[in-house]
N, C-alpha and C. Protein backbone atom coordinates (compact mmCIF):
# COMPACT_ATOMS: atom_id res chain seq x y z
N MET A 1 79.48 128.47 119.66
CA MET A 1 80.57 127.73 119.06
C MET A 1 81.89 128.40 119.44
N THR A 2 82.87 127.57 119.80
CA THR A 2 84.19 128.10 120.12
C THR A 2 85.23 127.37 119.29
N PHE A 3 86.36 128.03 119.15
CA PHE A 3 87.48 127.50 118.37
C PHE A 3 88.70 127.46 119.28
N ARG A 4 89.48 126.41 119.15
CA ARG A 4 90.75 126.35 119.88
C ARG A 4 91.77 125.63 119.02
N ASP A 5 93.03 125.90 119.30
CA ASP A 5 94.09 125.20 118.57
C ASP A 5 94.02 123.71 118.87
N ALA A 6 94.18 122.92 117.84
CA ALA A 6 94.19 121.47 118.01
C ALA A 6 95.47 121.04 118.70
N THR A 7 95.37 119.98 119.46
CA THR A 7 96.54 119.35 120.07
C THR A 7 96.70 117.97 119.45
N LEU A 8 97.85 117.37 119.69
CA LEU A 8 98.10 116.04 119.17
C LEU A 8 97.06 115.04 119.69
N ASP A 9 96.55 115.29 120.89
CA ASP A 9 95.50 114.44 121.45
C ASP A 9 94.20 114.50 120.64
N ASP A 10 94.02 115.58 119.88
CA ASP A 10 92.82 115.72 119.05
C ASP A 10 92.95 114.99 117.72
N LEU A 11 94.17 114.58 117.36
CA LEU A 11 94.38 114.01 116.04
C LEU A 11 93.50 112.79 115.75
N PRO A 12 93.29 111.87 116.68
CA PRO A 12 92.38 110.75 116.37
C PRO A 12 90.97 111.22 115.98
N LYS A 13 90.43 112.23 116.66
CA LYS A 13 89.10 112.74 116.34
C LYS A 13 89.13 113.46 114.99
N ILE A 14 90.19 114.22 114.71
CA ILE A 14 90.34 114.89 113.42
C ILE A 14 90.32 113.86 112.30
N VAL A 15 91.08 112.80 112.47
CA VAL A 15 91.15 111.74 111.46
C VAL A 15 89.81 111.02 111.35
N GLU A 16 89.13 110.79 112.46
CA GLU A 16 87.81 110.14 112.43
C GLU A 16 86.82 110.97 111.60
N ILE A 17 86.81 112.27 111.83
CA ILE A 17 85.91 113.16 111.07
C ILE A 17 86.29 113.15 109.60
N TYR A 18 87.59 113.25 109.32
CA TYR A 18 88.06 113.22 107.93
C TYR A 18 87.66 111.92 107.25
N ASN A 19 87.93 110.81 107.92
CA ASN A 19 87.64 109.50 107.33
C ASN A 19 86.15 109.30 107.08
N SER A 20 85.31 109.98 107.83
CA SER A 20 83.87 109.83 107.63
C SER A 20 83.42 110.41 106.29
N THR A 21 84.29 111.16 105.62
CA THR A 21 83.94 111.76 104.33
C THR A 21 84.47 110.95 103.14
N VAL A 22 85.34 110.00 103.38
CA VAL A 22 86.01 109.29 102.28
C VAL A 22 85.01 108.54 101.40
N ALA A 23 84.11 107.81 102.00
CA ALA A 23 83.20 106.95 101.24
C ALA A 23 82.26 107.73 100.32
N SER A 24 81.95 108.96 100.67
CA SER A 24 81.00 109.75 99.86
C SER A 24 81.56 110.13 98.49
N ARG A 25 82.90 110.14 98.36
CA ARG A 25 83.56 110.55 97.12
C ARG A 25 83.18 111.99 96.74
N LEU A 26 82.80 112.77 97.73
CA LEU A 26 82.36 114.13 97.50
C LEU A 26 83.39 115.16 97.98
N VAL A 27 84.17 114.79 99.00
CA VAL A 27 84.97 115.77 99.73
C VAL A 27 86.47 115.59 99.55
N THR A 28 86.95 114.38 99.60
CA THR A 28 88.39 114.15 99.59
C THR A 28 88.79 113.22 98.43
N ALA A 29 90.03 113.36 97.99
CA ALA A 29 90.56 112.49 96.95
C ALA A 29 91.17 111.22 97.53
N ASP A 30 91.20 111.10 98.85
CA ASP A 30 91.61 109.82 99.42
C ASP A 30 90.55 108.78 99.10
N LEU A 31 91.01 107.59 98.73
CA LEU A 31 90.09 106.53 98.34
C LEU A 31 89.83 105.55 99.48
N GLU A 32 90.72 105.57 100.47
CA GLU A 32 90.59 104.70 101.64
C GLU A 32 90.79 105.57 102.89
N PRO A 33 90.25 105.15 104.03
CA PRO A 33 90.50 105.90 105.26
C PRO A 33 92.00 106.00 105.54
N VAL A 34 92.39 107.11 106.18
CA VAL A 34 93.79 107.34 106.52
C VAL A 34 94.02 106.98 107.98
N SER A 35 95.27 106.78 108.34
CA SER A 35 95.61 106.45 109.72
C SER A 35 96.03 107.72 110.46
N VAL A 36 95.91 107.68 111.78
CA VAL A 36 96.38 108.79 112.60
C VAL A 36 97.87 109.02 112.34
N GLU A 37 98.64 107.94 112.27
CA GLU A 37 100.08 108.05 112.06
C GLU A 37 100.41 108.77 110.75
N SER A 38 99.61 108.52 109.72
CA SER A 38 99.89 109.14 108.42
C SER A 38 99.63 110.64 108.42
N LYS A 39 98.93 111.16 109.43
CA LYS A 39 98.59 112.58 109.49
C LYS A 39 99.45 113.37 110.48
N ILE A 40 100.43 112.71 111.10
CA ILE A 40 101.25 113.41 112.10
C ILE A 40 102.08 114.53 111.47
N ASP A 41 102.74 114.27 110.35
CA ASP A 41 103.51 115.33 109.68
C ASP A 41 102.60 116.48 109.27
N TRP A 42 101.45 116.16 108.71
CA TRP A 42 100.46 117.18 108.33
C TRP A 42 100.08 118.02 109.54
N PHE A 43 99.83 117.37 110.68
CA PHE A 43 99.48 118.08 111.91
C PHE A 43 100.56 119.09 112.27
N HIS A 44 101.82 118.67 112.19
CA HIS A 44 102.93 119.53 112.59
C HIS A 44 103.23 120.64 111.59
N GLN A 45 102.63 120.61 110.42
CA GLN A 45 102.78 121.71 109.46
C GLN A 45 101.95 122.93 109.87
N HIS A 46 101.09 122.77 110.85
CA HIS A 46 100.24 123.86 111.32
C HIS A 46 100.89 124.57 112.50
N ASN A 47 100.58 125.85 112.64
CA ASN A 47 101.00 126.61 113.81
C ASN A 47 99.95 127.67 114.09
N SER A 48 99.79 128.00 115.35
CA SER A 48 98.70 128.90 115.75
C SER A 48 98.88 130.31 115.22
N GLU A 49 100.11 130.70 114.90
CA GLU A 49 100.37 132.08 114.49
C GLU A 49 99.99 132.36 113.03
N PHE A 50 100.30 131.42 112.11
CA PHE A 50 100.09 131.68 110.68
C PHE A 50 99.24 130.63 109.96
N ARG A 51 99.32 129.39 110.38
CA ARG A 51 98.62 128.29 109.71
C ARG A 51 97.97 127.39 110.75
N PRO A 52 96.92 127.91 111.40
CA PRO A 52 96.32 127.13 112.49
C PRO A 52 95.53 125.91 112.02
N LEU A 53 95.37 125.02 112.94
CA LEU A 53 94.45 123.89 112.84
C LEU A 53 93.56 124.02 114.07
N TRP A 54 92.32 124.40 113.82
CA TRP A 54 91.40 124.66 114.92
C TRP A 54 90.38 123.54 115.09
N ILE A 55 90.12 123.23 116.34
CA ILE A 55 89.03 122.35 116.72
C ILE A 55 87.81 123.24 116.95
N VAL A 56 86.66 122.80 116.47
CA VAL A 56 85.41 123.56 116.64
C VAL A 56 84.55 122.83 117.66
N LEU A 57 84.14 123.56 118.69
CA LEU A 57 83.36 122.99 119.79
C LEU A 57 81.99 123.65 119.85
N ASP A 58 80.97 122.85 120.18
CA ASP A 58 79.65 123.44 120.39
C ASP A 58 79.54 123.94 121.82
N SER A 59 78.37 124.42 122.19
CA SER A 59 78.19 125.03 123.53
C SER A 59 78.38 124.02 124.66
N GLU A 60 78.26 122.73 124.35
CA GLU A 60 78.47 121.70 125.37
C GLU A 60 79.87 121.09 125.29
N LYS A 61 80.76 121.76 124.54
CA LYS A 61 82.17 121.36 124.39
C LYS A 61 82.35 120.05 123.61
N ASN A 62 81.35 119.69 122.81
CA ASN A 62 81.51 118.56 121.90
C ASN A 62 82.31 119.02 120.69
N ILE A 63 83.22 118.18 120.23
CA ILE A 63 83.95 118.50 119.00
C ILE A 63 83.00 118.26 117.83
N VAL A 64 82.70 119.34 117.10
CA VAL A 64 81.76 119.24 115.98
C VAL A 64 82.46 119.31 114.63
N GLY A 65 83.73 119.69 114.65
CA GLY A 65 84.47 119.76 113.39
C GLY A 65 85.84 120.35 113.58
N TRP A 66 86.49 120.62 112.46
CA TRP A 66 87.81 121.25 112.49
C TRP A 66 88.01 122.05 111.21
N VAL A 67 88.93 122.98 111.30
CA VAL A 67 89.27 123.82 110.15
C VAL A 67 90.78 123.98 110.14
N SER A 68 91.36 123.89 108.95
CA SER A 68 92.81 124.06 108.83
C SER A 68 93.15 125.08 107.75
N PHE A 69 94.26 125.75 107.98
CA PHE A 69 94.86 126.63 107.00
C PHE A 69 96.19 126.00 106.63
N GLN A 70 96.45 125.87 105.34
CA GLN A 70 97.70 125.27 104.89
C GLN A 70 98.36 126.15 103.85
N ASP A 71 99.68 126.03 103.78
CA ASP A 71 100.42 126.75 102.76
C ASP A 71 99.93 126.34 101.38
N PHE A 72 99.92 127.29 100.48
CA PHE A 72 99.64 127.01 99.08
C PHE A 72 100.98 126.90 98.38
N TYR A 73 101.24 125.78 97.80
CA TYR A 73 102.38 125.53 96.94
C TYR A 73 103.74 125.57 97.63
N GLY A 74 103.78 125.90 98.90
CA GLY A 74 105.00 125.78 99.68
C GLY A 74 106.18 126.64 99.27
N ARG A 75 105.95 127.75 98.60
CA ARG A 75 107.04 128.65 98.21
C ARG A 75 106.84 130.00 98.93
N PRO A 76 107.95 130.66 99.29
CA PRO A 76 107.85 131.89 100.08
C PRO A 76 106.99 132.99 99.45
N ALA A 77 106.98 133.12 98.14
CA ALA A 77 106.21 134.19 97.50
C ALA A 77 104.70 134.02 97.70
N TYR A 78 104.27 132.80 98.07
CA TYR A 78 102.85 132.54 98.28
C TYR A 78 102.45 132.59 99.75
N GLN A 79 103.31 133.13 100.60
CA GLN A 79 103.09 133.10 102.05
C GLN A 79 101.76 133.74 102.47
N LYS A 80 101.27 134.71 101.71
CA LYS A 80 100.02 135.40 102.10
C LYS A 80 98.78 134.72 101.51
N THR A 81 98.98 133.56 100.92
CA THR A 81 97.87 132.78 100.37
C THR A 81 97.80 131.46 101.13
N ALA A 82 96.60 131.08 101.54
CA ALA A 82 96.44 129.82 102.28
C ALA A 82 95.24 129.06 101.74
N GLU A 83 95.36 127.75 101.82
CA GLU A 83 94.23 126.87 101.49
C GLU A 83 93.47 126.59 102.78
N ILE A 84 92.16 126.72 102.72
CA ILE A 84 91.32 126.44 103.88
C ILE A 84 90.57 125.13 103.65
N SER A 85 90.48 124.34 104.71
CA SER A 85 89.70 123.10 104.68
C SER A 85 88.81 123.07 105.91
N ILE A 86 87.56 122.72 105.70
CA ILE A 86 86.59 122.62 106.79
C ILE A 86 85.98 121.22 106.76
N TYR A 87 86.00 120.56 107.90
CA TYR A 87 85.40 119.23 108.02
C TYR A 87 84.49 119.22 109.24
N ILE A 88 83.29 118.71 109.06
CA ILE A 88 82.29 118.69 110.12
C ILE A 88 81.92 117.24 110.44
N ASP A 89 81.85 116.94 111.72
CA ASP A 89 81.44 115.61 112.17
C ASP A 89 80.09 115.28 111.55
N GLU A 90 79.94 114.03 111.10
CA GLU A 90 78.72 113.68 110.36
C GLU A 90 77.44 113.87 111.18
N LYS A 91 77.53 113.79 112.50
CA LYS A 91 76.35 113.99 113.34
C LYS A 91 75.89 115.45 113.34
N TYR A 92 76.75 116.36 112.90
CA TYR A 92 76.45 117.79 112.97
C TYR A 92 76.33 118.45 111.60
N ARG A 93 76.43 117.67 110.54
CA ARG A 93 76.33 118.24 109.19
C ARG A 93 74.91 118.70 108.89
N GLY A 94 74.80 119.69 108.02
CA GLY A 94 73.49 120.18 107.59
C GLY A 94 72.80 121.07 108.60
N LYS A 95 73.55 121.58 109.57
CA LYS A 95 72.95 122.43 110.61
C LYS A 95 73.47 123.87 110.55
N GLY A 96 74.14 124.24 109.46
CA GLY A 96 74.64 125.61 109.32
C GLY A 96 76.00 125.87 109.94
N LEU A 97 76.65 124.82 110.43
CA LEU A 97 77.96 125.03 111.06
C LEU A 97 79.03 125.46 110.06
N GLY A 98 78.96 124.94 108.85
CA GLY A 98 79.94 125.32 107.83
C GLY A 98 79.95 126.82 107.62
N ARG A 99 78.78 127.41 107.58
CA ARG A 99 78.66 128.86 107.40
C ARG A 99 79.32 129.61 108.56
N LEU A 100 79.06 129.18 109.79
CA LEU A 100 79.64 129.83 110.97
C LEU A 100 81.15 129.67 111.01
N ILE A 101 81.62 128.48 110.66
CA ILE A 101 83.07 128.21 110.67
C ILE A 101 83.76 129.06 109.61
N LEU A 102 83.21 129.09 108.40
CA LEU A 102 83.82 129.85 107.31
C LEU A 102 83.82 131.34 107.64
N GLU A 103 82.73 131.83 108.19
CA GLU A 103 82.64 133.24 108.57
C GLU A 103 83.75 133.60 109.57
N TYR A 104 83.94 132.77 110.57
CA TYR A 104 84.98 132.99 111.59
C TYR A 104 86.37 132.94 110.95
N ALA A 105 86.60 131.96 110.09
CA ALA A 105 87.91 131.81 109.46
C ALA A 105 88.26 133.03 108.60
N ILE A 106 87.30 133.53 107.85
CA ILE A 106 87.53 134.72 107.03
C ILE A 106 87.85 135.91 107.94
N GLU A 107 87.09 136.04 109.01
CA GLU A 107 87.27 137.14 109.95
C GLU A 107 88.68 137.13 110.55
N LYS A 108 89.23 135.95 110.81
CA LYS A 108 90.54 135.83 111.45
C LYS A 108 91.71 135.83 110.45
N SER A 109 91.42 135.81 109.16
CA SER A 109 92.48 135.69 108.15
C SER A 109 93.49 136.83 108.20
N ASN A 110 93.03 138.06 108.38
CA ASN A 110 93.98 139.18 108.46
C ASN A 110 94.96 138.99 109.60
N ASP A 111 94.48 138.54 110.76
CA ASP A 111 95.35 138.32 111.92
C ASP A 111 96.41 137.26 111.63
N LEU A 112 96.10 136.36 110.70
CA LEU A 112 97.02 135.28 110.34
C LEU A 112 97.95 135.68 109.19
N GLY A 113 97.82 136.92 108.71
CA GLY A 113 98.66 137.38 107.60
C GLY A 113 98.22 136.84 106.26
N ILE A 114 96.96 136.43 106.16
CA ILE A 114 96.45 135.84 104.93
C ILE A 114 95.70 136.90 104.13
N GLU A 115 96.09 137.07 102.87
CA GLU A 115 95.43 138.00 101.98
C GLU A 115 94.55 137.29 100.95
N ASN A 116 94.84 136.03 100.69
CA ASN A 116 94.05 135.24 99.74
C ASN A 116 93.74 133.89 100.36
N LEU A 117 92.46 133.52 100.33
CA LEU A 117 92.05 132.19 100.77
C LEU A 117 91.64 131.37 99.56
N LEU A 118 92.06 130.13 99.54
CA LEU A 118 91.72 129.20 98.47
C LEU A 118 90.95 128.02 99.05
N ALA A 119 89.97 127.55 98.30
CA ALA A 119 89.25 126.33 98.67
C ALA A 119 89.31 125.39 97.47
N PHE A 120 89.81 124.19 97.68
CA PHE A 120 89.89 123.16 96.64
C PHE A 120 88.69 122.25 96.83
N ILE A 121 87.76 122.27 95.86
CA ILE A 121 86.49 121.57 96.02
C ILE A 121 86.17 120.81 94.73
N PHE A 122 85.77 119.55 94.87
CA PHE A 122 85.33 118.81 93.69
C PHE A 122 84.16 119.53 93.04
N ALA A 123 84.12 119.51 91.72
CA ALA A 123 83.06 120.19 90.97
C ALA A 123 81.68 119.60 91.27
N HIS A 124 81.62 118.35 91.69
CA HIS A 124 80.33 117.72 91.99
C HIS A 124 79.90 117.92 93.46
N ASN A 125 80.71 118.63 94.24
CA ASN A 125 80.38 118.90 95.65
C ASN A 125 79.62 120.23 95.72
N LEU A 126 78.37 120.18 95.29
CA LEU A 126 77.56 121.40 95.21
C LEU A 126 77.33 122.07 96.56
N PRO A 127 77.11 121.33 97.65
CA PRO A 127 76.93 122.02 98.94
C PRO A 127 78.14 122.88 99.33
N SER A 128 79.34 122.36 99.15
CA SER A 128 80.53 123.14 99.51
C SER A 128 80.74 124.32 98.56
N LEU A 129 80.55 124.09 97.26
CA LEU A 129 80.68 125.19 96.30
C LEU A 129 79.70 126.31 96.64
N THR A 130 78.47 125.95 96.94
CA THR A 130 77.44 126.93 97.27
C THR A 130 77.82 127.71 98.53
N LEU A 131 78.29 127.01 99.55
CA LEU A 131 78.69 127.66 100.80
C LEU A 131 79.77 128.71 100.54
N PHE A 132 80.83 128.31 99.87
CA PHE A 132 81.95 129.24 99.66
C PHE A 132 81.54 130.40 98.75
N GLU A 133 80.74 130.13 97.75
CA GLU A 133 80.29 131.20 96.85
C GLU A 133 79.43 132.22 97.61
N LYS A 134 78.67 131.79 98.60
CA LYS A 134 77.87 132.72 99.41
C LYS A 134 78.75 133.71 100.15
N PHE A 135 79.98 133.33 100.41
CA PHE A 135 80.91 134.20 101.12
C PHE A 135 81.85 134.95 100.17
N GLY A 136 81.49 134.99 98.89
CA GLY A 136 82.24 135.80 97.93
C GLY A 136 83.44 135.12 97.30
N PHE A 137 83.57 133.81 97.51
CA PHE A 137 84.63 133.09 96.80
C PHE A 137 84.24 132.98 95.34
N GLU A 138 85.24 133.13 94.47
CA GLU A 138 85.01 133.10 93.03
C GLU A 138 85.83 131.99 92.39
N LEU A 139 85.42 131.59 91.20
CA LEU A 139 86.16 130.58 90.45
C LEU A 139 87.52 131.13 90.05
N TRP A 140 88.58 130.53 90.54
CA TRP A 140 89.93 130.93 90.16
C TRP A 140 90.58 129.87 89.27
N ALA A 141 90.07 128.64 89.32
CA ALA A 141 90.61 127.60 88.45
C ALA A 141 89.63 126.44 88.37
N ASN A 142 89.63 125.79 87.21
CA ASN A 142 88.84 124.58 87.02
C ASN A 142 89.79 123.55 86.41
N LEU A 143 90.21 122.61 87.23
CA LEU A 143 91.13 121.56 86.78
C LEU A 143 90.28 120.37 86.35
N LYS A 144 90.05 120.31 85.07
CA LYS A 144 89.08 119.35 84.51
C LYS A 144 89.59 117.91 84.56
N ASN A 145 88.74 117.04 85.10
CA ASN A 145 88.95 115.59 85.08
C ASN A 145 90.31 115.15 85.60
N ILE A 146 90.81 115.79 86.67
CA ILE A 146 92.13 115.43 87.16
C ILE A 146 92.10 114.34 88.23
N ALA A 147 90.92 113.99 88.70
CA ALA A 147 90.80 112.93 89.70
C ALA A 147 89.96 111.80 89.13
N GLU A 148 90.24 110.60 89.62
CA GLU A 148 89.41 109.46 89.26
C GLU A 148 88.91 108.81 90.53
N LEU A 149 87.60 108.83 90.69
CA LEU A 149 86.94 108.26 91.86
C LEU A 149 86.05 107.12 91.40
N ASP A 150 86.41 105.91 91.78
CA ASP A 150 85.63 104.73 91.41
C ASP A 150 85.39 104.65 89.91
N GLY A 151 86.43 104.94 89.14
CA GLY A 151 86.36 104.84 87.69
C GLY A 151 85.73 106.03 87.00
N GLU A 152 85.33 107.03 87.76
CA GLU A 152 84.70 108.21 87.18
C GLU A 152 85.64 109.42 87.28
N LYS A 153 85.84 110.10 86.17
CA LYS A 153 86.67 111.30 86.14
C LYS A 153 85.94 112.44 86.85
N ARG A 154 86.68 113.17 87.68
CA ARG A 154 86.11 114.28 88.43
C ARG A 154 87.01 115.51 88.31
N SER A 155 86.38 116.66 88.27
CA SER A 155 87.12 117.93 88.16
C SER A 155 87.27 118.56 89.54
N LEU A 156 88.34 119.33 89.68
CA LEU A 156 88.62 120.05 90.92
C LEU A 156 88.48 121.54 90.65
N ILE A 157 87.66 122.18 91.44
CA ILE A 157 87.45 123.62 91.35
C ILE A 157 88.30 124.28 92.43
N ILE A 158 88.99 125.34 92.06
CA ILE A 158 89.68 126.15 93.06
C ILE A 158 88.93 127.48 93.14
N LEU A 159 88.32 127.70 94.29
CA LEU A 159 87.67 128.97 94.56
C LEU A 159 88.62 129.84 95.36
N GLY A 160 88.63 131.12 95.08
CA GLY A 160 89.50 132.05 95.78
C GLY A 160 88.76 133.27 96.25
N LYS A 161 89.30 133.85 97.30
CA LYS A 161 88.75 135.09 97.83
C LYS A 161 89.91 135.95 98.32
N THR A 162 89.93 137.19 97.86
CA THR A 162 90.89 138.16 98.38
C THR A 162 90.30 138.76 99.65
N ILE A 163 91.06 138.66 100.72
CA ILE A 163 90.62 139.15 102.02
C ILE A 163 91.04 140.61 102.13
N LYS A 164 90.09 141.47 102.38
CA LYS A 164 90.39 142.90 102.52
C LYS A 164 90.86 143.19 103.93
N ASP A 165 91.97 143.86 104.03
CA ASP A 165 92.49 144.26 105.35
C ASP A 165 91.98 145.67 105.64
N SER A 166 91.13 145.80 106.63
CA SER A 166 90.55 147.10 106.94
C SER A 166 91.57 148.08 107.54
N ASN A 167 92.74 147.57 107.92
CA ASN A 167 93.76 148.45 108.52
C ASN A 167 94.61 149.15 107.46
N HIS A 168 94.46 148.78 106.19
CA HIS A 168 95.30 149.38 105.14
C HIS A 168 94.48 149.94 104.03
């Protein structure tokens, strides 16, 4: 598996993978598929130095997923904290890629100046909660019943992990 910075040409595939999760009501709070145009500003909020958006490729150079780091709360005092999102193409889900992607992202966090990683996960998304907890993410917040999906109230869990910098 290899990682590379996403380009604008990758945005349609990023959106396709994202949209493939909407119907499950497990991963995203979007209720309808999003357009490529609606994600252009989001794309430009990323940069390879501090807040990358990486494309994940398998050994045959197929795009199998993507991972993004985003600012938390958009204020300067939170600069060393980032939200991580991992999305895997539906053809490649359930094959252990999430574990490999998360492991790589944690490993690279120090290089990105990140001391705290946050994952925003619906409380009913047990596969994602389990994955992040295996890597030492802990419950930092439980926002009870803040989302409504198809008439059903859903809670949002914020898992956090302090990244240890071995250089200090």
